[in-house]
Amino acid sequence: MKTLKNQYPPGDFAVWIIIYVELITFSGLFLGYAFSRRGDIELFNASQLLLDQRMGFINTLILITSSYFVVKAVHTIKSMGADKEEASRKAALWLLGSIGLGGMFLVIKMIEFTGKYAEGINLSTNTFFMFYFLSTAFHFCHVLLGTIVLFNLYQKTKIGGYTPADHVGLESGASYWHMVDLLWIVLFPLIYIIR
C-alpha cells in the first residue's frame, strides 16, 4: 500500500486522461459556440432571453455545493483518526449529500428541457438552441455518470473501504466530479449570461 499524501494529480492517472479528453471535447463545443455567436450576436442574445437564468444559477449553486461535499468526504478519509467507523460514516454522509445534489441538478435540468420542448424549442430551432441542447445535454450525461460514480464511492466508503493510506478510488471519483462542476461553471455564464 502506498501513501498518497503528496500524489499529484490526486487519484488514478487514467482518470486524468479521461478528464483531459473531456475538457478538450467541451473546449471544442465552447469554441464552436463562440464563433457561431460572433456570426449572429442578435439571434444568440434574443435566444438567451428565453432561458431561465434562475434555474441555471440554482444548478450552479447545487454543483458547487456538491463539490464541497465531495472535498469534505475526501478530507474526512485522509485525516481519519482512530475511530475509522465514525470517519467512514461521516465521509459516506458527505457523499450521500453530494449524490442528492447531483440528483437535484438532473431533475432541474429535465424540467428545463421539457419546458423548452413544450414551448416548441428544440435542436433545430436555431443555432443557439442547437448549441444549448448539445452542450447542456452532453453535460447532463456527465452529471448522470458522475452521480453513479459517487454512488459507488458511497457504497465503498460506508463499509470502511477507504483509509488515509488507500483512497485512490475516492480521489479519482472526486476529480471526475470536480471536472463536471468546472464544466458547468464555464457553461452557465457562456450559455445563460454573456451577452
Protein backbone atom coordinates (compact mmCIF):
# COMPACT_ATOMS: atom_id res chain seq x y z
CA MET A 1 0.00 0.00 0.00
CA LYS A 2 1.48 3.35 -0.97
CA THR A 3 0.77 6.55 0.86
CA LEU A 4 -0.85 9.24 -1.26
CA LYS A 5 -0.20 12.36 0.82
CA ASN A 6 1.82 14.11 -1.89
CA GLN A 7 0.50 12.45 -5.01
CA TYR A 8 -0.21 14.87 -7.81
CA PRO A 9 -2.53 14.83 -9.59
CA PRO A 10 -4.73 13.11 -6.99
CA GLY A 11 -6.27 9.77 -7.87
CA ASP A 12 -5.52 7.42 -10.70
CA PHE A 13 -3.66 8.78 -13.73
CA ALA A 14 -6.10 7.04 -16.13
CA VAL A 15 -8.93 9.20 -14.76
CA TRP A 16 -6.88 12.28 -15.57
CA ILE A 17 -6.52 11.15 -19.17
CA ILE A 18 -10.33 10.88 -19.33
CA ILE A 19 -10.65 14.32 -17.72
CA TYR A 20 -8.25 15.91 -20.21
CA VAL A 21 -10.09 14.32 -23.15
CA GLU A 22 -13.42 15.58 -21.79
CA LEU A 23 -12.02 19.08 -21.29
CA ILE A 24 -10.72 19.12 -24.87
CA THR A 25 -14.10 17.90 -26.17
CA PHE A 26 -16.02 20.55 -24.28
CA SER A 27 -13.49 23.18 -25.36
CA GLY A 28 -14.40 22.35 -28.95
CA LEU A 29 -18.07 22.90 -28.15
CA PHE A 30 -17.28 26.18 -26.37
CA LEU A 31 -15.19 27.43 -29.31
CA GLY A 32 -17.87 26.41 -31.81
CA TYR A 33 -20.43 28.29 -29.74
CA ALA A 34 -18.23 31.41 -29.52
CA PHE A 35 -17.56 31.50 -33.28
CA SER A 36 -21.22 30.89 -34.14
CA ARG A 37 -22.34 33.55 -31.68
CA ARG A 38 -19.95 36.03 -33.23
CA GLY A 39 -21.63 35.44 -36.59
CA ASP A 40 -25.14 36.21 -35.30
CA ILE A 41 -24.99 38.05 -31.97
CA GLU A 42 -28.58 39.33 -32.18
CA LEU A 43 -30.02 35.83 -32.61
CA PHE A 44 -27.93 34.48 -29.73
CA ASN A 45 -28.86 37.37 -27.42
CA ALA A 46 -32.57 37.07 -28.24
CA SER A 47 -32.49 33.29 -27.75
CA GLN A 48 -30.68 33.59 -24.41
CA LEU A 49 -33.59 35.65 -23.10
CA LEU A 50 -35.78 32.55 -23.48
CA LEU A 51 -33.67 30.63 -20.93
CA ASP A 52 -34.43 30.66 -17.22
CA GLN A 53 -31.29 32.14 -15.62
CA ARG A 54 -32.63 31.32 -12.15
CA MET A 55 -32.65 27.60 -12.92
CA GLY A 56 -29.13 27.84 -14.32
CA PHE A 57 -27.97 29.76 -11.25
CA ILE A 58 -29.60 27.29 -8.85
CA ASN A 59 -27.90 24.44 -10.69
CA THR A 60 -24.59 26.28 -10.38
CA LEU A 61 -25.02 26.56 -6.61
CA ILE A 62 -26.04 22.91 -6.45
CA LEU A 63 -22.91 21.70 -8.25
CA ILE A 64 -20.54 23.97 -6.30
CA THR A 65 -22.08 22.74 -3.04
CA SER A 66 -21.87 19.12 -4.16
CA SER A 67 -18.18 19.55 -4.98
CA TYR A 68 -17.65 20.99 -1.50
CA PHE A 69 -19.33 17.90 -0.04
CA VAL A 70 -17.03 15.65 -2.05
CA VAL A 71 -14.00 17.61 -0.78
CA LYS A 72 -15.25 17.11 2.78
CA ALA A 73 -15.63 13.37 2.18
CA VAL A 74 -12.07 13.04 0.85
CA HIS A 75 -10.69 15.19 3.68
CA THR A 76 -12.55 13.09 6.26
CA ILE A 77 -10.96 9.89 4.93
CA LYS A 78 -7.47 11.41 4.55
CA SER A 79 -7.50 12.76 8.11
CA MET A 80 -9.10 9.66 9.60
CA GLY A 81 -8.13 9.10 13.23
CA ALA A 82 -8.50 6.08 15.47
CA ASP A 83 -12.28 5.88 15.02
CA LYS A 84 -12.33 4.55 11.45
CA GLU A 85 -16.01 3.60 11.55
CA GLU A 86 -17.07 7.13 12.50
CA ALA A 87 -14.83 8.70 9.86
CA SER A 88 -16.19 6.35 7.18
CA ARG A 89 -19.75 7.10 8.29
CA LYS A 90 -19.17 10.88 8.08
CA ALA A 91 -17.46 10.62 4.70
CA ALA A 92 -20.32 8.46 3.41
CA LEU A 93 -22.84 11.09 4.56
CA TRP A 94 -20.92 13.82 2.71
CA LEU A 95 -21.02 11.66 -0.42
CA LEU A 96 -24.73 10.95 0.07
CA GLY A 97 -25.36 14.70 0.23
CA SER A 98 -23.43 15.16 -2.99
CA ILE A 99 -25.41 12.38 -4.67
CA GLY A 100 -28.65 14.06 -3.60
CA LEU A 101 -27.47 17.37 -5.04
CA GLY A 102 -26.44 15.67 -8.28
CA GLY A 103 -29.95 14.23 -8.48
CA MET A 104 -31.43 17.69 -7.90
CA PHE A 105 -29.33 19.08 -10.74
CA LEU A 106 -30.62 16.37 -13.07
CA VAL A 107 -34.26 16.98 -12.09
CA ILE A 108 -33.97 20.75 -12.59
CA LYS A 109 -32.29 20.24 -15.95
CA MET A 110 -35.05 17.80 -17.03
CA ILE A 111 -37.68 20.38 -16.03
CA GLU A 112 -35.82 22.95 -18.10
CA PHE A 113 -35.50 20.63 -21.12
CA THR A 114 -39.15 19.56 -21.06
CA GLY A 115 -40.22 23.20 -20.65
CA LYS A 116 -38.30 24.18 -23.77
CA TYR A 117 -39.74 21.27 -25.76
CA ALA A 118 -43.25 22.21 -24.58
CA GLU A 119 -42.63 25.70 -25.96
CA GLY A 120 -41.72 24.15 -29.31
CA ILE A 121 -38.00 24.86 -28.89
CA ASN A 122 -35.59 22.09 -29.88
CA LEU A 123 -32.23 21.41 -31.56
CA SER A 124 -33.45 22.65 -34.91
CA THR A 125 -35.00 25.91 -33.68
CA ASN A 126 -31.82 27.89 -34.38
CA THR A 127 -28.04 27.76 -33.97
CA PHE A 128 -28.14 28.99 -30.37
CA PHE A 129 -30.54 26.27 -29.28
CA MET A 130 -28.57 23.65 -31.19
CA PHE A 131 -25.54 24.55 -29.05
CA TYR A 132 -27.67 24.91 -25.93
CA PHE A 133 -29.17 21.44 -26.21
CA LEU A 134 -25.97 19.74 -27.38
CA SER A 135 -23.74 21.21 -24.68
CA THR A 136 -26.18 21.01 -21.78
CA ALA A 137 -27.41 17.51 -22.69
CA PHE A 138 -23.80 16.34 -23.02
CA HIS A 139 -23.07 17.86 -19.61
CA PHE A 140 -26.27 16.27 -18.24
CA CYS A 141 -24.88 12.85 -19.25
CA HIS A 142 -21.66 13.65 -17.39
CA VAL A 143 -23.57 14.62 -14.26
CA LEU A 144 -25.56 11.38 -14.51
CA LEU A 145 -22.35 9.34 -14.86
CA GLY A 146 -20.70 11.33 -12.07
CA THR A 147 -23.66 10.68 -9.77
CA ILE A 148 -23.35 6.94 -10.46
CA VAL A 149 -19.62 7.16 -9.68
CA LEU A 150 -20.40 8.98 -6.42
CA PHE A 151 -22.94 6.29 -5.51
CA ASN A 152 -20.29 3.60 -5.98
CA LEU A 153 -17.85 5.62 -3.85
CA TYR A 154 -20.57 5.99 -1.21
CA GLN A 155 -21.14 2.21 -1.15
CA LYS A 156 -17.45 1.51 -0.58
CA THR A 157 -16.99 4.37 1.89
CA LYS A 158 -19.86 3.37 4.16
CA ILE A 159 -18.30 -0.08 4.70
CA GLY A 160 -14.89 1.41 5.50
CA GLY A 161 -13.31 0.67 2.13
CA TYR A 162 -11.03 3.74 2.16
CA THR A 163 -8.24 4.68 4.53
CA PRO A 164 -5.69 7.50 4.74
CA ALA A 165 -3.17 5.20 3.04
CA ASP A 166 -5.55 3.76 0.43
CA HIS A 167 -8.06 6.16 -1.13
CA VAL A 168 -7.06 6.35 -4.81
CA GLY A 169 -10.55 5.39 -5.95
CA LEU A 170 -12.14 8.09 -3.82
CA GLU A 171 -9.78 10.77 -5.14
CA SER A 172 -10.27 9.56 -8.72
CA GLY A 173 -14.05 9.84 -8.44
CA ALA A 174 -13.74 13.21 -6.71
CA SER A 175 -11.50 14.51 -9.51
CA TYR A 176 -14.07 13.45 -12.11
CA TRP A 177 -16.87 15.15 -10.16
CA HIS A 178 -14.86 18.37 -9.89
CA MET A 179 -14.35 18.29 -13.67
CA VAL A 180 -18.13 18.06 -14.13
CA ASP A 181 -18.52 21.05 -11.80
CA LEU A 182 -15.83 23.04 -13.62
CA LEU A 183 -17.51 22.45 -16.98
CA TRP A 184 -20.80 23.79 -15.66
CA ILE A 185 -19.05 26.84 -14.18
CA VAL A 186 -17.89 27.65 -17.73
CA LEU A 187 -21.11 26.54 -19.43
CA PHE A 188 -23.50 28.54 -17.24
CA PRO A 189 -22.16 32.04 -17.97
CA LEU A 190 -21.36 31.18 -21.58
CA ILE A 191 -24.86 29.94 -22.42
CA TYR A 192 -27.06 31.80 -19.92
CA ILE A 193 -25.41 35.14 -19.14
CA ILE A 194 -22.77 36.50 -21.54
CA ARG A 195 -24.41 38.88 -23.99
